[in-house]
Amino acid sequence: MNLSQSKTKNIKSFFAYRIFFIIAILVILPLIIYVSILYRSEYKEQKQDLLITLDLLANQISKNIEDNLSFKNEILDFAMKEVNLHGQNINRYFEKIANEFTLQDLIYLDFSQNNLFLMNSTKQNLIGKNLNNLKNILNQKNALFSTNQLNCKNCIYFSKTIYQNNIPKGAYVLSFFKDDLIFDLPNDKYFKNVEMKILDSSKNIVLSNENTNQTMNQLIAKKDLKKLNLELILSLDHKYLKTFHQQNFIFKHIFILSIVFVILFILTWILISFISKPIKKLLFTMKQIKDGNLNERYKKQKFGFEINYIGNFFNNTMDSLIAKQREIEKEKTEKQRYIQELEIAEDIQISLLPQKSLDVRDVDISFGNLFAKEVGGDFYDFFLKDGKIFFVIVDIATKGILACLYALNLRSIIRSYALTFDNLDEIIIKTNNLFYKDAKEKSMFATVFFGIYDIKSKNLKYSNQGHMSAILRKEDSTITELTTKGMALGVQEMEKVYINEITLQKNDLLFLYTDGIVEAIDKNNNFFGKENLVNLIKDTKDLKASQIIENLFAKLEEYSKDAYQYDDMTALLFKIK
């Protein structure tokens, strides 16, 4: 399709919409209202019929389940009465009963000395097994439950407990395949999608079929199972009802809708043909300009209506095109300059960060970062001096190349003083006072967490200057936040700083980060938050530092993949060996 044909189609559509709108008001709108009312009425009736059918089906299934479990209760009663007659051959007797009634297992559990042991079973490898975690379940007279401790994934268990002076003495338990209680539902368009499940008193699922409905919008029928503290639920997702109702409705009423749309199409085609001449004139003008005749202009046509308006607008557009083109060239030049500045800023940002860890035997160090779309001034630094590790993590309070330049300046100041002086407070004060002289004119400031770790004594001295608190995870997975009083660098001159000390232990983990991590957002503008961060760090005892950082940033990338991130995410981690 060439340009003229494409534009003809688009402009004709403009008139088609206007004509269609008029016809819609006179004909289609009342029909749509009628169809909408009819649709709702039929949907409501169909929904009510389906609820009644679900309820009847639930009644029948609950009765079948009760009969099934009643029969299995009789099996247990029979086993209990006859077991004393078999002396030392209980296991063999259990096996005989299991074979006779197609059971997977028949067992006896004994409550003794506050423990629950499996005393007899058709499966010899289970005898003597401790099953204390089933005590609460077996305190009931009868119970239906599932467990993985008895080596049968597809089994369900039914129990009968023996009491002596109202105290549980033992329990007879039989097992059978779950399919014995999962009854086939009608295989039609609705009921093949019904979920059947049995819940205990705590609303835990004891048994369910393969259909799993996760939505809250469901048709539900509930029935209590007599003599058992269980509930049968049949549920069907509304989407199935809606889908099949829509299909049936469209099929039933397609004839009327087809007639209406055929009439609409014919009328639209006739009217568009009648008023298409002004469109052709406008397209001719456009083609002339496309071929290089920039002086060609559209002339008003009789019965042109909106086309005349469009033609006049087109003429005005062409008159201003040359001026606009010059503005675009100017913007293009400015954009190229901005891109070059952005590339420089990215190079500076990368140069601020150490490219490899320290080769220290007793400390495992790792680090990582995710840059935001707009370049920022986050950085971390660490180096070894006289058997001690000096480290910082910094967040500059601005964006763009200015932030990178201030970050580069601050990193140089910190390194210079840290290599010259040994006292942490002296390093911080001198760094701030020099940085303040450079930053006060632009009201620039930076939050910084300083630390010096003595590898031999495992003593950590630290000071927090307005930054996020460091997270200390102990070997037992307890979490402590390390911070001190202090204000951001560059706000004003300093005379005093606060220093705290702590002795670290083997397997302790020290985590430093910038606010971009906890303020990472997902597509719904929800923050990642400190709670998620702490939970991720908490259970990392057996992981290397690099694995922890990799896991963290993989989680952050997944969390924020569909959202624009406004701040860099930077982290520095030390794990004591």
Protein backbone atom coordinates (compact mmCIF):
# COMPACT_ATOMS: atom_id res chain seq x y z
CA MET A 1 0.00 0.00 0.00
CA ASN A 2 1.48 3.40 -1.03
CA LEU A 3 1.28 6.65 0.94
CA SER A 4 -1.75 8.03 -0.89
CA GLN A 5 -3.77 4.85 -0.38
CA SER A 6 -2.83 4.70 3.29
CA LYS A 7 -3.86 8.31 3.93
CA THR A 8 -7.09 7.85 1.99
CA LYS A 9 -8.00 4.98 4.24
CA ASN A 10 -7.20 6.88 7.42
CA ILE A 11 -9.12 10.04 6.48
CA LYS A 12 -12.12 8.11 5.24
CA SER A 13 -12.17 6.38 8.60
CA PHE A 14 -12.61 9.83 10.19
CA PHE A 15 -15.94 10.25 8.40
CA ALA A 16 -16.85 6.64 8.96
CA TYR A 17 -16.61 7.22 12.70
CA ARG A 18 -18.90 10.27 12.50
CA ILE A 19 -21.50 8.46 10.44
CA PHE A 20 -21.25 5.36 12.58
CA PHE A 21 -21.78 7.50 15.68
CA ILE A 22 -25.03 8.94 14.26
CA ILE A 23 -26.32 5.49 13.36
CA ALA A 24 -25.26 4.19 16.76
CA ILE A 25 -27.38 6.84 18.52
CA LEU A 26 -30.45 6.04 16.44
CA VAL A 27 -30.19 2.26 16.14
CA ILE A 28 -27.29 0.54 17.82
CA LEU A 29 -27.41 2.27 21.22
CA PRO A 30 -30.97 1.08 22.06
CA LEU A 31 -30.03 -2.37 20.80
CA ILE A 32 -26.91 -2.43 22.96
CA ILE A 33 -28.98 -1.43 26.01
CA TYR A 34 -31.46 -4.20 25.29
CA VAL A 35 -28.71 -6.77 24.70
CA SER A 36 -26.97 -5.69 27.91
CA ILE A 37 -30.14 -6.17 29.98
CA LEU A 38 -30.80 -9.52 28.33
CA TYR A 39 -27.20 -10.61 28.89
CA ARG A 40 -27.33 -9.79 32.61
CA SER A 41 -30.67 -11.51 33.07
CA GLU A 42 -29.58 -14.73 31.36
CA TYR A 43 -26.25 -14.68 33.18
CA LYS A 44 -27.98 -14.34 36.56
CA GLU A 45 -30.31 -17.27 35.78
CA GLN A 46 -27.44 -19.44 34.58
CA LYS A 47 -25.40 -18.60 37.69
CA GLN A 48 -28.31 -19.51 40.00
CA ASP A 49 -28.88 -22.81 38.18
CA LEU A 50 -25.20 -23.64 38.48
CA LEU A 51 -25.17 -22.88 42.22
CA ILE A 52 -28.13 -25.20 42.78
CA THR A 53 -26.43 -27.94 40.77
CA LEU A 54 -23.18 -27.48 42.72
CA ASP A 55 -25.09 -27.76 46.00
CA LEU A 56 -26.82 -30.98 44.89
CA LEU A 57 -23.52 -32.38 43.71
CA ALA A 58 -21.87 -31.46 47.03
CA ASN A 59 -24.68 -33.26 48.91
CA GLN A 60 -24.18 -36.43 46.89
CA ILE A 61 -20.38 -36.38 47.15
CA SER A 62 -20.45 -35.69 50.91
CA LYS A 63 -22.81 -38.65 51.39
CA ASN A 64 -20.51 -40.89 49.34
CA ILE A 65 -17.48 -39.75 51.37
CA GLU A 66 -19.32 -40.32 54.66
CA ASP A 67 -20.35 -43.82 53.53
CA ASN A 68 -16.78 -44.56 52.45
CA LEU A 69 -15.28 -43.39 55.76
CA SER A 70 -18.02 -45.15 57.73
CA PHE A 71 -17.05 -48.41 56.05
CA LYS A 72 -13.37 -47.78 56.79
CA ASN A 73 -14.31 -47.07 60.41
CA GLU A 74 -15.98 -50.49 60.51
CA ILE A 75 -12.74 -52.02 59.18
CA LEU A 76 -10.83 -50.40 62.06
CA ASP A 77 -13.45 -51.61 64.57
CA PHE A 78 -13.12 -55.11 63.17
CA ALA A 79 -9.33 -54.95 63.38
CA MET A 80 -9.49 -53.72 66.99
CA LYS A 81 -11.83 -56.54 68.08
CA GLU A 82 -9.83 -59.28 66.40
CA VAL A 83 -6.28 -58.11 67.07
CA ASN A 84 -6.07 -59.73 70.55
CA LEU A 85 -6.79 -63.13 69.03
CA HIS A 86 -3.63 -63.13 66.90
CA GLY A 87 -0.95 -62.74 69.56
CA GLN A 88 2.45 -62.26 67.95
CA ASN A 89 1.03 -62.36 64.41
CA ILE A 90 -0.49 -58.84 64.43
CA ASN A 91 1.60 -57.59 61.52
CA ARG A 92 0.66 -60.60 59.41
CA TYR A 93 -2.98 -60.16 60.41
CA PHE A 94 -2.82 -56.48 59.43
CA GLU A 95 -1.41 -57.51 56.06
CA LYS A 96 -4.29 -59.93 55.55
CA ILE A 97 -6.89 -57.24 56.30
CA ALA A 98 -5.10 -54.72 54.06
CA ASN A 99 -5.11 -57.16 51.14
CA GLU A 100 -8.74 -58.11 51.72
CA PHE A 101 -9.99 -54.51 51.73
CA THR A 102 -7.50 -53.08 49.19
CA LEU A 103 -5.71 -50.91 51.73
CA GLN A 104 -2.18 -49.58 51.30
CA ASP A 105 -1.29 -50.04 54.96
CA LEU A 106 -2.81 -50.85 58.34
CA ILE A 107 -0.87 -49.71 61.40
CA TYR A 108 -1.10 -49.36 65.14
CA LEU A 109 0.42 -46.37 66.96
CA ASP A 110 1.10 -46.42 70.70
CA PHE A 111 1.00 -43.39 73.02
CA SER A 112 3.63 -44.09 75.68
CA GLN A 113 5.87 -41.86 77.81
CA ASN A 114 4.68 -38.76 75.95
CA ASN A 115 5.85 -40.26 72.65
CA LEU A 116 4.01 -41.72 69.70
CA PHE A 117 5.60 -44.84 68.22
CA LEU A 118 4.50 -47.01 65.29
CA MET A 119 4.23 -50.49 66.83
CA ASN A 120 2.61 -52.60 64.09
CA SER A 121 2.33 -52.25 60.32
CA THR A 122 2.08 -54.20 57.11
CA LYS A 123 5.34 -52.48 56.13
CA GLN A 124 8.18 -53.76 58.31
CA ASN A 125 10.47 -50.78 57.61
CA LEU A 126 8.06 -48.41 59.40
CA ILE A 127 7.86 -50.31 62.70
CA GLY A 128 9.41 -48.39 65.60
CA LYS A 129 9.21 -45.02 63.88
CA ASN A 130 8.62 -41.96 66.09
CA LEU A 131 5.60 -39.97 64.89
CA ASN A 132 5.25 -37.31 67.59
CA ASN A 133 4.22 -34.67 65.07
CA LEU A 134 0.95 -36.59 64.53
CA LYS A 135 -0.07 -36.50 68.22
CA ASN A 136 -2.32 -33.47 67.87
CA ILE A 137 -4.13 -35.03 64.93
CA LEU A 138 -4.59 -38.41 66.64
CA ASN A 139 -5.99 -36.85 69.83
CA GLN A 140 -9.32 -36.85 67.96
CA LYS A 141 -11.53 -39.92 68.04
CA ASN A 142 -11.48 -40.10 64.25
CA ALA A 143 -9.23 -38.15 61.92
CA LEU A 144 -8.62 -37.90 58.20
CA PHE A 145 -5.18 -36.58 57.33
CA SER A 146 -2.21 -36.78 54.98
CA THR A 147 1.50 -37.06 55.83
CA ASN A 148 4.81 -37.73 54.06
CA GLN A 149 6.31 -39.55 57.05
CA LEU A 150 4.80 -42.92 56.13
CA ASN A 151 6.41 -43.16 52.66
CA CYS A 152 3.28 -42.85 50.56
CA LYS A 153 2.82 -39.62 48.61
CA ASN A 154 -0.55 -40.49 47.10
CA CYS A 155 -2.07 -41.89 50.31
CA ILE A 156 -4.65 -40.50 52.71
CA TYR A 157 -4.91 -41.76 56.30
CA PHE A 158 -7.97 -42.48 58.45
CA SER A 159 -7.55 -43.11 62.17
CA LYS A 160 -9.49 -44.30 65.19
CA THR A 161 -8.03 -43.49 68.61
CA ILE A 162 -8.38 -45.69 71.73
CA TYR A 163 -8.84 -43.93 75.06
CA GLN A 164 -8.23 -45.07 78.63
CA ASN A 165 -9.64 -42.76 81.32
CA ASN A 166 -10.13 -40.11 78.61
CA ILE A 167 -6.40 -40.28 77.78
CA PRO A 168 -5.28 -41.47 74.32
CA LYS A 169 -3.72 -44.93 74.63
CA GLY A 170 -3.22 -45.87 71.01
CA ALA A 171 -4.54 -45.38 67.50
CA TYR A 172 -5.41 -47.69 64.61
CA VAL A 173 -4.70 -46.12 61.23
CA LEU A 174 -5.42 -47.34 57.73
CA SER A 175 -4.18 -45.78 54.51
CA PHE A 176 -5.62 -45.82 51.02
CA PHE A 177 -5.12 -43.98 47.77
CA LYS A 178 -6.49 -40.44 47.64
CA ASP A 179 -8.42 -41.36 44.50
CA ASP A 180 -10.79 -43.42 46.69
CA LEU A 181 -12.26 -40.13 48.00
CA ILE A 182 -11.95 -38.06 44.83
CA PHE A 183 -15.14 -38.77 42.92
CA ASP A 184 -15.39 -38.17 39.20
CA LEU A 185 -17.34 -35.03 38.36
CA PRO A 186 -19.53 -34.66 35.27
CA ASN A 187 -17.27 -34.10 32.27
CA ASP A 188 -19.12 -31.16 30.77
CA LYS A 189 -18.06 -27.58 30.04
CA TYR A 190 -18.61 -26.48 33.65
CA PHE A 191 -18.03 -29.35 36.03
CA LYS A 192 -14.78 -30.62 34.50
CA ASN A 193 -13.25 -27.42 35.94
CA VAL A 194 -14.74 -27.77 39.44
CA GLU A 195 -12.25 -27.97 42.31
CA MET A 196 -13.15 -30.43 45.05
CA LYS A 197 -11.32 -30.19 48.36
CA ILE A 198 -11.69 -31.34 51.96
CA LEU A 199 -10.59 -28.95 54.72
CA ASP A 200 -9.86 -29.67 58.38
CA SER A 201 -10.95 -27.45 61.30
CA SER A 202 -7.92 -25.20 60.73
CA LYS A 203 -8.93 -24.70 57.08
CA ASN A 204 -5.92 -26.71 55.91
CA ILE A 205 -6.44 -28.73 52.73
CA VAL A 206 -6.53 -32.44 53.54
CA LEU A 207 -7.43 -33.55 50.04
CA SER A 208 -8.11 -31.91 46.67
CA ASN A 209 -8.43 -32.84 43.02
CA GLU A 210 -6.09 -31.55 40.30
CA ASN A 211 -8.15 -28.43 39.48
CA THR A 212 -6.82 -25.53 41.56
CA ASN A 213 -8.70 -22.22 41.57
CA GLN A 214 -6.49 -19.39 42.87
CA THR A 215 -8.93 -16.53 42.38
CA MET A 216 -11.28 -15.18 45.04
CA ASN A 217 -14.19 -14.82 42.59
CA GLN A 218 -15.73 -18.29 42.75
CA LEU A 219 -19.03 -20.12 42.95
CA ILE A 220 -18.84 -22.24 46.11
CA ALA A 221 -20.90 -25.05 47.65
CA LYS A 222 -19.99 -26.25 51.17
CA LYS A 223 -21.06 -29.32 53.14
CA ASP A 224 -19.98 -30.51 56.61
CA LEU A 225 -18.98 -34.17 56.89
CA LYS A 226 -20.89 -35.73 59.77
CA LYS A 227 -18.96 -37.16 62.76
CA LEU A 228 -15.74 -35.67 61.37
CA ASN A 229 -14.55 -32.13 61.88
CA LEU A 230 -14.17 -31.76 58.12
CA GLU A 231 -15.73 -29.65 55.41
CA LEU A 232 -16.29 -30.49 51.74
CA ILE A 233 -16.02 -27.58 49.30
CA LEU A 234 -16.85 -27.55 45.60
CA SER A 235 -15.74 -24.38 43.82
CA LEU A 236 -15.83 -23.11 40.25
CA ASP A 237 -14.07 -20.00 39.00
CA HIS A 238 -16.46 -17.34 37.68
CA LYS A 239 -14.32 -17.01 34.55
CA TYR A 240 -15.58 -20.40 33.24
CA LEU A 241 -19.21 -19.38 33.71
CA LYS A 242 -18.57 -16.01 32.05
CA THR A 243 -16.68 -17.55 29.13
CA PHE A 244 -19.31 -20.16 28.30
CA HIS A 245 -22.18 -17.73 28.84
CA GLN A 246 -20.59 -15.23 26.47
CA GLN A 247 -20.12 -17.92 23.83
CA ASN A 248 -23.71 -19.13 24.16
CA PHE A 249 -25.11 -15.61 24.18
CA ILE A 250 -23.25 -14.56 21.05
CA PHE A 251 -24.28 -17.75 19.27
CA LYS A 252 -27.96 -17.25 20.17
CA HIS A 253 -28.15 -13.59 19.12
CA ILE A 254 -25.65 -13.49 16.26
CA PHE A 255 -28.36 -13.24 13.57
CA ILE A 256 -29.77 -9.92 14.82
CA LEU A 257 -26.33 -8.44 15.35
CA SER A 258 -25.25 -9.50 11.86
CA ILE A 259 -28.19 -7.71 10.23
CA VAL A 260 -27.48 -4.50 12.15
CA PHE A 261 -23.83 -4.44 11.21
CA VAL A 262 -24.52 -5.22 7.55
CA ILE A 263 -26.92 -2.26 7.39
CA LEU A 264 -24.39 -0.07 9.14
CA PHE A 265 -21.66 -1.08 6.70
CA ILE A 266 -23.80 -0.36 3.63
CA LEU A 267 -24.87 3.08 4.89
CA THR A 268 -21.34 3.98 5.85
CA TRP A 269 -19.98 2.96 2.45
CA ILE A 270 -22.60 5.03 0.59
CA LEU A 271 -22.05 8.16 2.67
CA ILE A 272 -18.27 7.93 2.58
CA SER A 273 -18.33 7.55 -1.20
CA PHE A 274 -20.45 10.71 -1.48
CA ILE A 275 -18.14 12.92 0.55
CA SER A 276 -14.80 11.43 -0.53
CA LYS A 277 -14.05 14.08 -3.17
CA PRO A 278 -12.59 16.62 -0.69
CA ILE A 279 -10.45 13.85 0.71
CA LYS A 280 -9.02 13.13 -2.73
CA LYS A 281 -8.16 16.81 -3.18
CA LEU A 282 -6.36 16.87 0.15
CA LEU A 283 -4.44 13.73 -0.76
CA PHE A 284 -3.44 15.26 -4.09
CA THR A 285 -2.01 18.27 -2.22
CA MET A 286 -0.08 15.98 0.12
CA LYS A 287 1.33 14.02 -2.80
CA GLN A 288 2.53 17.23 -4.49
CA ILE A 289 4.38 18.23 -1.33
CA LYS A 290 5.79 14.72 -1.00
CA ASP A 291 7.18 15.01 -4.54
CA GLY A 292 8.97 18.26 -3.67
CA ASN A 293 6.44 20.98 -4.49
CA LEU A 294 6.48 22.64 -1.05
CA ASN A 295 4.44 25.64 -2.29
CA GLU A 296 1.33 23.56 -3.00
CA ARG A 297 -1.59 24.26 -0.61
CA TYR A 298 -5.07 22.83 -0.08
CA LYS A 299 -8.04 24.93 -1.32
CA LYS A 300 -11.40 24.82 0.45
CA GLN A 301 -13.94 22.45 -1.18
CA LYS A 302 -17.74 22.51 -1.28
CA PHE A 303 -19.24 20.00 1.19
CA GLY A 304 -15.73 19.60 2.60
CA PHE A 305 -16.83 19.92 6.24
CA GLU A 306 -14.06 18.51 8.44
CA ILE A 307 -11.79 18.01 5.43
CA ASN A 308 -11.63 21.77 4.95
CA TYR A 309 -10.63 22.11 8.59
CA ILE A 310 -7.95 19.46 8.17
CA GLY A 311 -6.74 21.09 4.95
CA ASN A 312 -6.39 24.46 6.64
CA PHE A 313 -4.56 22.84 9.52
CA PHE A 314 -2.29 21.08 7.04
CA ASN A 315 -1.50 24.38 5.31
CA ASN A 316 -0.54 25.96 8.65
CA THR A 317 1.58 22.96 9.44
CA MET A 318 3.52 23.26 6.20
CA ASP A 319 4.06 27.00 6.78
CA SER A 320 5.73 26.30 10.12
CA LEU A 321 7.60 23.17 9.06
CA ILE A 322 10.83 24.89 8.05
CA ALA A 323 11.03 26.79 11.35
CA LYS A 324 10.32 23.62 13.28
CA GLN A 325 12.98 21.77 11.32
CA ARG A 326 15.58 24.30 12.44
CA GLU A 327 14.50 23.83 16.05
CA ILE A 328 14.83 20.06 15.67
CA GLU A 329 18.38 20.42 14.37
CA LYS A 330 19.23 22.55 17.39
CA GLU A 331 17.68 20.04 19.79
CA LYS A 332 19.55 17.22 18.07
CA THR A 333 22.87 18.99 18.66
CA GLU A 334 22.00 19.59 22.33
CA LYS A 335 20.95 15.96 22.74
CA GLN A 336 24.24 14.71 21.30
CA ARG A 337 26.12 16.93 23.73
CA TYR A 338 24.02 15.58 26.62
CA ILE A 339 24.74 11.99 25.56
CA GLN A 340 28.47 12.74 25.50
CA GLU A 341 28.25 14.24 28.99
CA LEU A 342 26.30 11.19 30.16
CA GLU A 343 28.98 8.84 28.79
CA ILE A 344 31.66 10.86 30.61
CA ALA A 345 29.62 10.68 33.82
CA GLU A 346 29.23 6.90 33.47
CA ASP A 347 32.98 6.52 32.96
CA ILE A 348 33.62 8.59 36.10
CA GLN A 349 31.06 6.57 38.06
CA ILE A 350 32.70 3.29 37.09
CA SER A 351 36.18 4.64 37.88
CA LEU A 352 35.08 5.44 41.45
CA LEU A 353 34.46 1.78 42.28
CA PRO A 354 37.15 -0.81 43.13
CA GLN A 355 37.36 -3.44 40.43
CA LYS A 356 38.56 -6.31 42.65
CA SER A 357 38.46 -7.39 46.28
CA LEU A 358 41.36 -7.41 48.77
CA ASP A 359 43.48 -10.54 49.13
CA VAL A 360 42.87 -10.93 52.88
CA ARG A 361 42.79 -14.38 54.40
CA ASP A 362 40.48 -13.66 57.35
CA VAL A 363 37.91 -11.44 55.60
CA ASP A 364 35.70 -12.27 52.62
CA ILE A 365 34.80 -9.04 50.79
CA SER A 366 32.26 -8.57 48.03
CA PHE A 367 30.47 -5.62 46.47
CA GLY A 368 27.99 -4.78 43.77
CA ASN A 369 25.82 -2.11 42.25
CA LEU A 370 22.97 -1.46 39.84
CA PHE A 371 23.10 1.94 38.15
CA ALA A 372 19.88 3.90 37.72
CA LYS A 373 18.83 5.38 34.37
CA GLU A 374 20.12 8.76 35.52
CA VAL A 375 23.77 8.73 36.59
CA GLY A 376 24.28 9.27 40.33
CA GLY A 377 27.15 9.65 42.77
CA ASP A 378 27.03 6.49 44.88
CA PHE A 379 30.39 4.81 45.49
CA TYR A 380 32.26 2.61 47.93
CA ASP A 381 35.98 2.27 48.60
CA PHE A 382 38.26 0.07 50.70
CA PHE A 383 41.98 -0.58 51.03
CA LEU A 384 44.46 -2.26 53.36
CA LYS A 385 46.73 -0.21 55.63
CA ASP A 386 48.96 -1.55 58.44
CA GLY A 387 46.90 -4.71 58.94
CA LYS A 388 43.62 -2.77 58.96
CA ILE A 389 40.91 -2.40 56.36
CA PHE A 390 39.65 1.13 55.83
CA PHE A 391 36.28 1.32 54.08
CA VAL A 392 33.54 3.81 53.21
CA ILE A 393 30.22 3.84 51.38
CA VAL A 394 28.98 7.20 50.06
CA ASP A 395 25.78 8.66 48.59
CA ILE A 396 26.09 12.10 46.92
CA ALA A 397 22.87 14.14 47.21
CA THR A 398 22.39 14.93 43.51
CA LYS A 399 22.39 13.31 40.06
CA GLY A 400 24.18 13.64 36.74
CA ILE A 401 27.74 14.59 35.88
CA LEU A 402 27.84 17.08 38.79
CA ALA A 403 27.28 14.22 41.24
CA CYS A 404 30.06 12.20 39.60
CA LEU A 405 32.51 15.10 39.81
CA TYR A 406 31.75 15.70 43.49
CA ALA A 407 32.02 11.95 44.14
CA LEU A 408 35.42 11.82 42.43
CA ASN A 409 36.58 14.80 44.50
CA LEU A 410 35.29 13.34 47.78
CA ARG A 411 36.85 9.93 47.07
CA SER A 412 40.24 11.58 46.51
CA ILE A 413 39.93 13.57 49.76
CA ILE A 414 38.94 10.49 51.79
CA ARG A 415 41.77 8.38 50.36
CA SER A 416 44.33 11.10 50.94
CA TYR A 417 43.46 11.60 54.61
CA ALA A 418 42.88 7.89 55.29
CA LEU A 419 46.37 7.07 54.01
CA THR A 420 47.90 9.94 56.01
CA PHE A 421 46.17 9.65 59.40
CA ASP A 422 45.34 6.67 61.62
CA ASN A 423 42.54 8.07 63.81
CA LEU A 424 39.09 7.69 62.29
CA ASP A 425 37.73 10.89 63.87
CA GLU A 426 40.63 12.92 62.48
CA ILE A 427 40.09 11.46 59.00
CA ILE A 428 36.37 12.33 59.08
CA ILE A 429 36.80 15.88 60.41
CA LYS A 430 39.50 16.81 57.92
CA THR A 431 37.58 15.21 55.05
CA ASN A 432 34.39 17.08 55.90
CA ASN A 433 36.03 20.46 56.40
CA LEU A 434 37.84 20.28 53.07
CA PHE A 435 34.79 18.92 51.23
CA TYR A 436 32.63 21.66 52.81
CA LYS A 437 34.77 24.36 51.20
CA ASP A 438 34.10 22.84 47.77
CA ALA A 439 30.45 21.96 48.34
CA LYS A 440 28.94 24.91 50.23
CA GLU A 441 28.53 27.12 47.17
CA LYS A 442 26.28 24.51 45.51
CA SER A 443 24.71 23.42 48.84
CA MET A 444 26.04 19.95 48.08
CA PHE A 445 26.33 17.25 50.74
CA ALA A 446 27.02 13.52 50.98
CA THR A 447 26.03 10.80 53.46
CA VAL A 448 28.94 8.52 54.41
CA PHE A 449 29.51 5.45 56.57
CA PHE A 450 33.18 5.20 57.67
CA GLY A 451 34.84 2.10 59.14
CA ILE A 452 38.26 0.74 60.12
CA TYR A 453 38.51 -2.99 60.79
CA ASP A 454 41.56 -4.45 62.59
CA ILE A 455 42.04 -7.89 61.06
CA LYS A 456 44.11 -9.28 63.94
CA SER A 457 41.98 -8.12 66.89
CA LYS A 458 38.69 -8.20 64.91
CA ASN A 459 37.92 -4.75 66.33
CA LEU A 460 35.68 -2.52 64.21
CA LYS A 461 35.56 1.25 64.63
CA TYR A 462 32.82 3.03 62.72
CA SER A 463 31.02 6.34 62.34
CA ASN A 464 27.81 7.10 60.48
CA GLN A 465 27.54 10.55 58.92
CA GLY A 466 23.87 10.68 57.96
CA HIS A 467 24.00 7.43 55.97
CA MET A 468 21.90 4.26 56.16
CA SER A 469 22.74 2.17 59.23
CA ALA A 470 25.04 -0.78 58.58
CA ILE A 471 23.51 -4.23 59.14
CA LEU A 472 25.43 -6.71 61.30
CA ARG A 473 24.31 -10.32 61.00
CA LYS A 474 25.75 -12.50 63.78
CA GLU A 475 26.57 -16.19 63.39
CA ASP A 476 23.26 -17.12 65.07
CA SER A 477 21.40 -15.03 62.42
CA THR A 478 20.45 -12.24 64.82
CA ILE A 479 20.41 -8.81 63.22
CA THR A 480 21.85 -5.58 64.68
CA GLU A 481 22.00 -2.14 63.10
CA LEU A 482 25.26 -0.21 63.53
CA THR A 483 25.05 3.58 63.55
CA THR A 484 26.19 6.68 65.40
CA LYS A 485 25.17 10.27 65.73
CA GLY A 486 26.44 12.37 62.86
CA MET A 487 25.47 14.62 60.01
CA ALA A 488 26.18 14.44 56.30
CA LEU A 489 29.50 15.74 54.99
CA GLY A 490 29.44 19.20 53.40
CA VAL A 491 26.65 20.66 55.54
CA GLN A 492 28.93 22.65 57.85
CA GLU A 493 32.37 22.45 59.39
CA MET A 494 32.91 19.79 62.08
CA GLU A 495 34.81 19.86 65.34
CA LYS A 496 33.70 16.52 66.77
CA VAL A 497 32.47 13.18 65.47
CA TYR A 498 31.04 10.15 67.22
CA ILE A 499 32.92 6.85 66.96
CA ASN A 500 31.61 3.46 68.10
CA GLU A 501 33.52 0.20 68.48
CA ILE A 502 32.53 -3.43 68.31
CA THR A 503 34.43 -6.71 68.23
CA LEU A 504 33.34 -9.00 65.43
CA GLN A 505 33.32 -12.80 65.61
CA LYS A 506 33.91 -15.57 63.13
CA ASN A 507 31.08 -15.88 60.57
CA ASP A 508 29.76 -12.39 61.40
CA LEU A 509 28.59 -10.46 58.36
CA LEU A 510 28.72 -6.66 57.95
CA PHE A 511 26.51 -5.20 55.21
CA LEU A 512 26.63 -1.56 54.02
CA TYR A 513 24.31 -0.12 51.39
CA THR A 514 22.82 3.04 49.90
CA ASP A 515 19.16 4.01 50.10
CA GLY A 516 18.59 3.06 46.47
CA ILE A 517 18.32 -0.61 47.56
CA VAL A 518 15.47 -0.20 50.06
CA GLU A 519 13.82 2.42 47.82
CA ALA A 520 13.82 0.22 44.71
CA ILE A 521 10.27 0.10 43.37
CA ASP A 522 8.26 -2.45 41.44
CA LYS A 523 5.72 -1.75 38.71
CA ASN A 524 3.10 -0.93 41.38
CA ASN A 525 5.41 1.68 43.02
CA ASN A 526 5.91 -0.50 46.12
CA PHE A 527 9.28 -0.12 47.84
CA PHE A 528 11.58 -3.14 48.22
CA GLY A 529 11.99 -2.03 51.85
CA LYS A 530 14.34 -2.83 54.71
CA GLU A 531 12.30 -5.84 55.85
CA ASN A 532 12.92 -7.68 52.56
CA LEU A 533 16.59 -6.72 52.73
CA VAL A 534 17.02 -7.99 56.30
CA ASN A 535 15.19 -11.24 55.52
CA LEU A 536 17.47 -11.85 52.55
CA ILE A 537 20.64 -11.23 54.60
CA LYS A 538 19.49 -13.08 57.70
CA ASP A 539 19.82 -16.67 56.51
CA THR A 540 23.18 -16.50 54.71
CA LYS A 541 25.44 -18.32 57.15
CA ASP A 542 26.61 -20.93 54.64
CA LEU A 543 27.05 -18.57 51.68
CA LYS A 544 30.17 -16.79 50.50
CA ALA A 545 30.17 -13.01 50.38
CA SER A 546 30.04 -13.03 46.58
CA GLN A 547 27.06 -15.41 46.60
CA ILE A 548 25.16 -13.12 48.98
CA ILE A 549 25.78 -10.09 46.76
CA GLU A 550 24.79 -12.05 43.64
CA ASN A 551 21.56 -13.24 45.29
CA LEU A 552 20.74 -9.71 46.47
CA PHE A 553 21.18 -8.03 43.10
CA ALA A 554 19.41 -10.84 41.27
CA LYS A 555 16.46 -10.29 43.61
CA LEU A 556 16.60 -6.51 43.06
CA GLU A 557 16.74 -6.88 39.27
CA GLU A 558 13.73 -9.18 39.31
CA TYR A 559 11.80 -6.90 41.70
CA SER A 560 12.42 -3.68 39.77
CA LYS A 561 12.57 -4.95 36.18
CA ASP A 562 9.29 -3.31 35.09
CA ALA A 563 9.80 0.03 36.86
CA TYR A 564 11.96 3.12 36.34
CA GLN A 565 14.63 3.32 39.05
CA TYR A 566 15.56 6.80 40.22
CA ASP A 567 18.55 5.95 42.38
CA ASP A 568 21.65 3.78 42.21
CA MET A 569 21.72 0.56 44.24
CA THR A 570 25.12 0.06 45.86
CA ALA A 571 26.27 -2.49 48.45
CA LEU A 572 29.49 -3.48 50.24
CA LEU A 573 29.77 -6.66 52.31
CA PHE A 574 32.38 -8.09 54.71
CA LYS A 575 32.20 -11.64 56.03
CA ILE A 576 34.55 -12.55 58.88
CA LYS A 577 36.24 -15.92 58.47
